[in-house]
């Protein structure tokens, strides 16, 4: 049975970077939520006006 995950219903944890403009948030692994053995996936969220990595 397919499962639908809405970003508004997921909990995001902040990951700190040594550079303050490069912080991001990541959701709980969706494979863990769906109890899947082979799904290795999470959702990243950036604060508006911030960047993912200095080299991208």
PDB file of N, CA and C in Angstrom:
ATOM      1  N   UNK A   1       0.834  -1.178   0.000  1.00  0.00           N
ATOM      2  CA  UNK A   1       0.000   0.000   0.000  1.00  0.00           C
ATOM      3  C   UNK A   1       0.884   1.249   0.000  1.00  0.00           C
ATOM      4  N   UNK A   2       0.684   2.181  -0.932  1.00  0.00           N
ATOM      5  CA  UNK A   2       1.489   3.401  -0.973  1.00  0.00           C
ATOM      6  C   UNK A   2       1.257   4.263   0.267  1.00  0.00           C
ATOM      7  N   UNK A   3       2.309   4.969   0.648  1.00  0.00           N
ATOM      8  CA  UNK A   3       2.205   5.901   1.765  1.00  0.00           C
ATOM      9  C   UNK A   3       2.577   7.289   1.265  1.00  0.00           C
ATOM     10  N   UNK A   4       1.831   8.278   1.715  1.00  0.00           N
ATOM     11  CA  UNK A   4       2.089   9.657   1.321  1.00  0.00           C
ATOM     12  C   UNK A   4       2.560  10.422   2.551  1.00  0.00           C
ATOM     13  N   UNK A   5       3.700  11.113   2.407  1.00  0.00           N
ATOM     14  CA  UNK A   5       4.251  11.903   3.499  1.00  0.00           C
ATOM     15  C   UNK A   5       4.159  13.374   3.118  1.00  0.00           C
ATOM     16  N   UNK A   6       3.502  14.148   3.939  1.00  0.00           N
ATOM     17  CA  UNK A   6       3.405  15.590   3.721  1.00  0.00           C
ATOM     18  C   UNK A   6       4.502  16.268   4.530  1.00  0.00           C
ATOM     19  N   UNK A   7       5.216  17.187   3.905  1.00  0.00           N
ATOM     20  CA  UNK A   7       6.316  17.858   4.605  1.00  0.00           C
ATOM     21  C   UNK A   7       5.821  18.612   5.834  1.00  0.00           C
ATOM     22  N   UNK A   8       4.585  19.056   5.817  1.00  0.00           N
ATOM     23  CA  UNK A   8       4.049  19.776   6.976  1.00  0.00           C
ATOM     24  C   UNK A   8       3.835  18.846   8.174  1.00  0.00           C
ATOM     25  N   UNK A   9       3.802  17.543   7.934  1.00  0.00           N
ATOM     26  CA  UNK A   9       3.574  16.579   9.011  1.00  0.00           C
ATOM     27  C   UNK A   9       4.859  15.907   9.493  1.00  0.00           C
ATOM     28  N   UNK A  10       5.989  16.201   8.839  1.00  0.00           N
ATOM     29  CA  UNK A  10       7.260  15.595   9.226  1.00  0.00           C
ATOM     30  C   UNK A  10       8.004  16.483  10.212  1.00  0.00           C
ATOM     31  N   UNK A  11       8.770  15.859  11.080  1.00  0.00           N
ATOM     32  CA  UNK A  11       9.614  16.601  12.013  1.00  0.00           C
ATOM     33  C   UNK A  11      10.996  16.757  11.390  1.00  0.00           C
ATOM     34  N   UNK A  12      11.497  17.982  11.383  1.00  0.00           N
ATOM     35  CA  UNK A  12      12.815  18.264  10.823  1.00  0.00           C
ATOM     36  C   UNK A  12      13.777  18.619  11.948  1.00  0.00           C
ATOM     37  N   UNK A  13      14.977  18.054  11.881  1.00  0.00           N
ATOM     38  CA  UNK A  13      16.029  18.374  12.846  1.00  0.00           C
ATOM     39  C   UNK A  13      17.084  19.210  12.150  1.00  0.00           C
ATOM     40  N   UNK A  14      17.568  20.242  12.845  1.00  0.00           N
ATOM     41  CA  UNK A  14      18.556  21.139  12.245  1.00  0.00           C
ATOM     42  C   UNK A  14      19.950  20.544  12.324  1.00  0.00           C
ATOM     43  N   UNK A  15      20.639  20.585  11.206  1.00  0.00           N
ATOM     44  CA  UNK A  15      22.045  20.170  11.123  1.00  0.00           C
ATOM     45  C   UNK A  15      22.891  21.424  11.051  1.00  0.00           C
ATOM     46  N   UNK A  16      23.816  21.543  11.951  1.00  0.00           N
ATOM     47  CA  UNK A  16      24.656  22.742  12.021  1.00  0.00           C
ATOM     48  C   UNK A  16      25.876  22.608  11.117  1.00  0.00           C
ATOM     49  N   UNK A  17      26.215  23.711  10.502  1.00  0.00           N
ATOM     50  CA  UNK A  17      27.409  23.798   9.676  1.00  0.00           C
ATOM     51  C   UNK A  17      28.358  24.785  10.341  1.00  0.00           C
ATOM     52  N   UNK A  18      29.667  24.639  10.138  1.00  0.00           N
ATOM     53  CA  UNK A  18      30.593  25.636  10.682  1.00  0.00           C
ATOM     54  C   UNK A  18      30.329  27.040  10.117  1.00  0.00           C
ATOM     55  N   UNK A  19      29.718  27.103   8.940  1.00  0.00           N
ATOM     56  CA  UNK A  19      29.363  28.382   8.332  1.00  0.00           C
ATOM     57  C   UNK A  19      27.864  28.612   8.523  1.00  0.00           C
ATOM     58  N   UNK A  20      27.448  29.677   9.196  1.00  0.00           N
ATOM     59  CA  UNK A  20      26.035  29.860   9.531  1.00  0.00           C
ATOM     60  C   UNK A  20      25.091  29.934   8.331  1.00  0.00           C
ATOM     61  N   UNK A  21      25.561  30.390   7.182  1.00  0.00           N
ATOM     62  CA  UNK A  21      24.673  30.477   6.010  1.00  0.00           C
ATOM     63  C   UNK A  21      24.428  29.129   5.351  1.00  0.00           C
ATOM     64  N   UNK A  22      25.057  28.066   5.843  1.00  0.00           N
ATOM     65  CA  UNK A  22      24.937  26.757   5.202  1.00  0.00           C
ATOM     66  C   UNK A  22      24.282  25.715   6.100  1.00  0.00           C
ATOM     67  N   UNK A  23      23.424  26.149   7.035  1.00  0.00           N
ATOM     68  CA  UNK A  23      22.680  25.202   7.869  1.00  0.00           C
ATOM     69  C   UNK A  23      21.495  24.649   7.078  1.00  0.00           C
ATOM     70  N   UNK A  24      21.048  23.465   7.411  1.00  0.00           N
ATOM     71  CA  UNK A  24      19.879  22.882   6.780  1.00  0.00           C
ATOM     72  C   UNK A  24      19.157  22.015   7.804  1.00  0.00           C
ATOM     73  N   UNK A  25      17.949  21.606   7.454  1.00  0.00           N
ATOM     74  CA  UNK A  25      17.157  20.722   8.301  1.00  0.00           C
ATOM     75  C   UNK A  25      16.884  19.449   7.517  1.00  0.00           C
ATOM     76  N   UNK A  26      16.838  18.322   8.229  1.00  0.00           N
ATOM     77  CA  UNK A  26      16.575  17.035   7.585  1.00  0.00           C
ATOM     78  C   UNK A  26      15.443  16.325   8.319  1.00  0.00           C
ATOM     79  N   UNK A  27      14.611  15.637   7.556  1.00  0.00           N
ATOM     80  CA  UNK A  27      13.514  14.875   8.143  1.00  0.00           C
ATOM     81  C   UNK A  27      14.037  13.537   8.667  1.00  0.00           C
ATOM     82  N   UNK A  28      13.208  12.854   9.413  1.00  0.00           N
ATOM     83  CA  UNK A  28      13.489  11.480   9.795  1.00  0.00           C
ATOM     84  C   UNK A  28      13.556  10.652   8.516  1.00  0.00           C
ATOM     85  N   UNK A  29      14.378   9.643   8.492  1.00  0.00           N
ATOM     86  CA  UNK A  29      14.482   8.796   7.295  1.00  0.00           C
ATOM     87  C   UNK A  29      13.113   8.184   6.984  1.00  0.00           C
ATOM     88  N   UNK A  30      12.678   8.343   5.738  1.00  0.00           N
ATOM     89  CA  UNK A  30      11.359   7.843   5.350  1.00  0.00           C
ATOM     90  C   UNK A  30      11.303   6.322   5.377  1.00  0.00           C
ATOM     91  N   UNK A  31      12.426   5.675   5.160  1.00  0.00           N
ATOM     92  CA  UNK A  31      12.457   4.215   5.271  1.00  0.00           C
ATOM     93  C   UNK A  31      12.148   3.765   6.684  1.00  0.00           C
ATOM     94  N   UNK A  32      12.604   4.519   7.645  1.00  0.00           N
ATOM     95  CA  UNK A  32      12.328   4.207   9.047  1.00  0.00           C
ATOM     96  C   UNK A  32      10.845   4.411   9.355  1.00  0.00           C
ATOM     97  N   UNK A  33      10.267   5.499   8.827  1.00  0.00           N
ATOM     98  CA  UNK A  33       8.848   5.766   9.050  1.00  0.00           C
ATOM     99  C   UNK A  33       7.955   4.705   8.419  1.00  0.00           C
ATOM    100  N   UNK A  34       8.354   4.239   7.240  1.00  0.00           N
ATOM    101  CA  UNK A  34       7.532   3.259   6.527  1.00  0.00           C
ATOM    102  C   UNK A  34       7.922   1.824   6.837  1.00  0.00           C
ATOM    103  N   UNK A  35       8.912   1.669   7.711  1.00  0.00           N
ATOM    104  CA  UNK A  35       9.410   0.343   8.102  1.00  0.00           C
ATOM    105  C   UNK A  35       9.893  -0.443   6.879  1.00  0.00           C
ATOM    106  N   UNK A  36      10.554   0.258   5.980  1.00  0.00           N
ATOM    107  CA  UNK A  36      11.091  -0.347   4.772  1.00  0.00           C
ATOM    108  C   UNK A  36      12.549  -0.729   4.984  1.00  0.00           C
ATOM    109  N   UNK A  37      12.909  -1.874   4.481  1.00  0.00           N
ATOM    110  CA  UNK A  37      14.269  -2.372   4.651  1.00  0.00           C
ATOM    111  C   UNK A  37      15.245  -1.731   3.673  1.00  0.00           C
ATOM    112  N   UNK A  38      14.788  -1.377   2.473  1.00  0.00           N
ATOM    113  CA  UNK A  38      15.691  -0.921   1.423  1.00  0.00           C
ATOM    114  C   UNK A  38      15.497   0.539   1.001  1.00  0.00           C
ATOM    115  N   UNK A  39      14.625   1.279   1.645  1.00  0.00           N
ATOM    116  CA  UNK A  39      14.423   2.680   1.301  1.00  0.00           C
ATOM    117  C   UNK A  39      15.315   3.539   2.188  1.00  0.00           C
ATOM    118  N   UNK A  40      16.259   4.239   1.574  1.00  0.00           N
ATOM    119  CA  UNK A  40      17.184   5.120   2.293  1.00  0.00           C
ATOM    120  C   UNK A  40      16.996   6.523   1.729  1.00  0.00           C
ATOM    121  N   UNK A  41      16.090   7.270   2.351  1.00  0.00           N
ATOM    122  CA  UNK A  41      15.701   8.555   1.793  1.00  0.00           C
ATOM    123  C   UNK A  41      15.233   9.476   2.908  1.00  0.00           C
ATOM    124  N   UNK A  42      15.604  10.744   2.831  1.00  0.00           N
ATOM    125  CA  UNK A  42      15.061  11.743   3.737  1.00  0.00           C
ATOM    126  C   UNK A  42      14.844  13.031   2.947  1.00  0.00           C
ATOM    127  N   UNK A  43      14.185  13.998   3.557  1.00  0.00           N
ATOM    128  CA  UNK A  43      13.893  15.268   2.898  1.00  0.00           C
ATOM    129  C   UNK A  43      14.700  16.354   3.588  1.00  0.00           C
ATOM    130  N   UNK A  44      15.355  17.181   2.800  1.00  0.00           N
ATOM    131  CA  UNK A  44      16.133  18.303   3.323  1.00  0.00           C
ATOM    132  C   UNK A  44      15.332  19.592   3.140  1.00  0.00           C
ATOM    133  N   UNK A  45      15.517  20.512   4.069  1.00  0.00           N
ATOM    134  CA  UNK A  45      14.844  21.799   4.012  1.00  0.00           C
ATOM    135  C   UNK A  45      15.850  22.902   4.324  1.00  0.00           C
ATOM    136  N   UNK A  46      15.854  23.930   3.495  1.00  0.00           N
ATOM    137  CA  UNK A  46      16.738  25.073   3.710  1.00  0.00           C
ATOM    138  C   UNK A  46      15.934  26.261   4.217  1.00  0.00           C
ATOM    139  N   UNK A  47      16.558  27.055   5.066  1.00  0.00           N
ATOM    140  CA  UNK A  47      15.955  28.302   5.507  1.00  0.00           C
ATOM    141  C   UNK A  47      15.964  29.264   4.315  1.00  0.00           C
ATOM    142  N   UNK A  48      14.884  30.027   4.094  1.00  0.00           N
ATOM    143  CA  UNK A  48      14.880  30.957   2.956  1.00  0.00           C
ATOM    144  C   UNK A  48      16.087  31.895   2.972  1.00  0.00           C
ATOM    145  N   UNK A  49      16.699  32.063   1.814  1.00  0.00           N
ATOM    146  CA  UNK A  49      17.851  32.938   1.677  1.00  0.00           C
ATOM    147  C   UNK A  49      19.169  32.285   2.048  1.00  0.00           C
ATOM    148  N   UNK A  50      19.156  30.998   2.390  1.00  0.00           N
ATOM    149  CA  UNK A  50      20.382  30.280   2.750  1.00  0.00           C
ATOM    150  C   UNK A  50      20.782  29.356   1.603  1.00  0.00           C
ATOM    151  N   UNK A  51      21.923  28.722   1.732  1.00  0.00           N
ATOM    152  CA  UNK A  51      22.485  27.905   0.658  1.00  0.00           C
ATOM    153  C   UNK A  51      22.737  26.491   1.154  1.00  0.00           C
ATOM    154  N   UNK A  52      22.794  25.517   0.226  1.00  0.00           N
ATOM    155  CA  UNK A  52      22.988  24.125   0.631  1.00  0.00           C
ATOM    156  C   UNK A  52      24.435  23.839   0.992  1.00  0.00           C
ATOM    157  N   UNK A  53      25.372  24.201   0.158  1.00  0.00           N
ATOM    158  CA  UNK A  53      26.796  23.965   0.412  1.00  0.00           C
ATOM    159  C   UNK A  53      27.581  25.047  -0.299  1.00  0.00           C
ATOM    160  N   UNK A  54      28.753  25.402   0.214  1.00  0.00           N
ATOM    161  CA  UNK A  54      29.515  26.470  -0.439  1.00  0.00           C
ATOM    162  C   UNK A  54      29.998  26.084  -1.832  1.00  0.00           C
ATOM    163  N   UNK A  55      30.111  24.804  -2.151  1.00  0.00           N
ATOM    164  CA  UNK A  55      30.658  24.395  -3.447  1.00  0.00           C
ATOM    165  C   UNK A  55      29.587  24.005  -4.450  1.00  0.00           C
ATOM    166  N   UNK A  56      28.315  24.224  -4.170  1.00  0.00           N
ATOM    167  CA  UNK A  56      27.251  23.905  -5.131  1.00  0.00           C
ATOM    168  C   UNK A  56      26.777  25.150  -5.821  1.00  0.00           C
TER     169      UNK A  56
END
